[in-house]
Amino acid sequence: MVARFAEGTFARINGVLTEGEDRTDLVREAVDRELRRRERLGK
């Protein structure tokens, strides 16, 4: 899957990554969290 992000998003992500984490880890976790949230809401 290819996704486009607003300019500056990768820099923002890089600024909050923890040691050993990469952008893919952060995006995967964010998507999983959003899916769980929406599933709870029944959407």
N, C-alpha and C. Protein backbone atom coordinates (compact mmCIF):
# COMPACT_ATOMS: atom_id res chain seq x y z
N MET A 1 0.84 -1.18 0.00
CA MET A 1 0.00 0.00 0.00
C MET A 1 0.89 1.24 0.00
N VAL A 2 0.53 2.16 -0.82
CA VAL A 2 1.25 3.43 -0.88
C VAL A 2 0.33 4.51 -0.31
N ALA A 3 0.88 5.35 0.53
CA ALA A 3 0.08 6.43 1.12
C ALA A 3 0.85 7.74 1.00
N ARG A 4 0.15 8.79 0.70
CA ARG A 4 0.76 10.12 0.64
C ARG A 4 0.50 10.85 1.95
N PHE A 5 1.51 11.57 2.40
CA PHE A 5 1.39 12.34 3.63
C PHE A 5 1.70 13.79 3.34
N ALA A 6 1.15 14.67 4.14
CA ALA A 6 1.41 16.10 3.99
C ALA A 6 2.90 16.37 4.15
N GLU A 7 3.35 17.40 3.49
CA GLU A 7 4.76 17.79 3.59
C GLU A 7 5.11 18.03 5.05
N GLY A 8 6.25 17.51 5.46
CA GLY A 8 6.73 17.68 6.82
C GLY A 8 6.33 16.56 7.77
N THR A 9 5.44 15.66 7.32
CA THR A 9 4.99 14.59 8.19
C THR A 9 6.12 13.65 8.58
N PHE A 10 6.96 13.28 7.62
CA PHE A 10 8.06 12.37 7.95
C PHE A 10 9.02 12.99 8.95
N ALA A 11 9.27 14.27 8.83
CA ALA A 11 10.14 14.95 9.79
C ALA A 11 9.51 14.93 11.18
N ARG A 12 8.20 15.13 11.25
CA ARG A 12 7.51 15.10 12.54
C ARG A 12 7.58 13.71 13.14
N ILE A 13 7.35 12.69 12.30
CA ILE A 13 7.43 11.31 12.79
C ILE A 13 8.83 11.03 13.31
N ASN A 14 9.83 11.36 12.51
CA ASN A 14 11.23 11.12 12.91
C ASN A 14 11.55 11.78 14.25
N GLY A 15 10.92 12.90 14.52
CA GLY A 15 11.17 13.64 15.76
C GLY A 15 10.61 12.97 17.00
N VAL A 16 9.69 12.02 16.83
CA VAL A 16 9.07 11.40 18.01
C VAL A 16 9.35 9.90 18.13
N LEU A 17 10.13 9.35 17.20
CA LEU A 17 10.44 7.93 17.26
C LEU A 17 11.31 7.61 18.47
N THR A 18 11.08 6.44 19.05
CA THR A 18 11.91 5.98 20.14
C THR A 18 13.07 5.16 19.57
N GLU A 19 14.05 4.89 20.37
CA GLU A 19 15.22 4.14 19.92
C GLU A 19 14.79 2.77 19.39
N GLY A 20 15.26 2.43 18.21
CA GLY A 20 14.95 1.15 17.60
C GLY A 20 13.63 1.10 16.84
N GLU A 21 12.85 2.16 16.94
CA GLU A 21 11.56 2.23 16.24
C GLU A 21 11.76 2.89 14.88
N ASP A 22 11.00 2.46 13.88
CA ASP A 22 11.07 3.15 12.61
C ASP A 22 9.69 3.68 12.24
N ARG A 23 9.62 4.43 11.16
CA ARG A 23 8.35 5.06 10.77
C ARG A 23 7.26 4.02 10.56
N THR A 24 7.62 2.89 9.99
CA THR A 24 6.62 1.85 9.74
C THR A 24 5.99 1.38 11.05
N ASP A 25 6.80 1.23 12.09
CA ASP A 25 6.27 0.83 13.40
C ASP A 25 5.24 1.84 13.89
N LEU A 26 5.58 3.12 13.79
CA LEU A 26 4.69 4.16 14.28
C LEU A 26 3.39 4.19 13.48
N VAL A 27 3.48 4.11 12.16
CA VAL A 27 2.28 4.15 11.32
C VAL A 27 1.41 2.93 11.58
N ARG A 28 2.01 1.76 11.67
CA ARG A 28 1.25 0.54 11.94
C ARG A 28 0.49 0.66 13.27
N GLU A 29 1.17 1.13 14.29
CA GLU A 29 0.53 1.29 15.61
C GLU A 29 -0.60 2.31 15.55
N ALA A 30 -0.38 3.40 14.84
CA ALA A 30 -1.42 4.44 14.74
C ALA A 30 -2.65 3.91 14.01
N VAL A 31 -2.46 3.16 12.94
CA VAL A 31 -3.59 2.59 12.21
C VAL A 31 -4.33 1.59 13.08
N ASP A 32 -3.62 0.72 13.75
CA ASP A 32 -4.26 -0.26 14.64
C ASP A 32 -5.09 0.44 15.72
N ARG A 33 -4.53 1.50 16.31
CA ARG A 33 -5.23 2.23 17.36
C ARG A 33 -6.50 2.88 16.81
N GLU A 34 -6.42 3.46 15.62
CA GLU A 34 -7.59 4.09 15.01
C GLU A 34 -8.65 3.07 14.64
N LEU A 35 -8.24 1.91 14.15
CA LEU A 35 -9.20 0.85 13.83
C LEU A 35 -9.95 0.40 15.08
N ARG A 36 -9.23 0.18 16.17
CA ARG A 36 -9.87 -0.22 17.42
C ARG A 36 -10.86 0.85 17.90
N ARG A 37 -10.47 2.11 17.79
CA ARG A 37 -11.34 3.22 18.21
C ARG A 37 -12.63 3.21 17.39
N ARG A 38 -12.51 3.10 16.10
CA ARG A 38 -13.70 3.11 15.24
C ARG A 38 -14.56 1.87 15.44
N GLU A 39 -13.93 0.74 15.66
CA GLU A 39 -14.69 -0.47 15.91
C GLU A 39 -15.51 -0.35 17.20
N ARG A 40 -14.93 0.27 18.22
CA ARG A 40 -15.66 0.50 19.48
C ARG A 40 -16.88 1.39 19.25
N LEU A 41 -16.73 2.36 18.34
CA LEU A 41 -17.82 3.28 18.05
C LEU A 41 -18.85 2.70 17.09
N GLY A 42 -18.54 1.53 16.55
CA GLY A 42 -19.47 0.90 15.62
C GLY A 42 -19.45 1.50 14.24
N LYS A 43 -18.31 2.08 13.87
CA LYS A 43 -18.21 2.71 12.55
C LYS A 43 -17.36 1.87 11.63
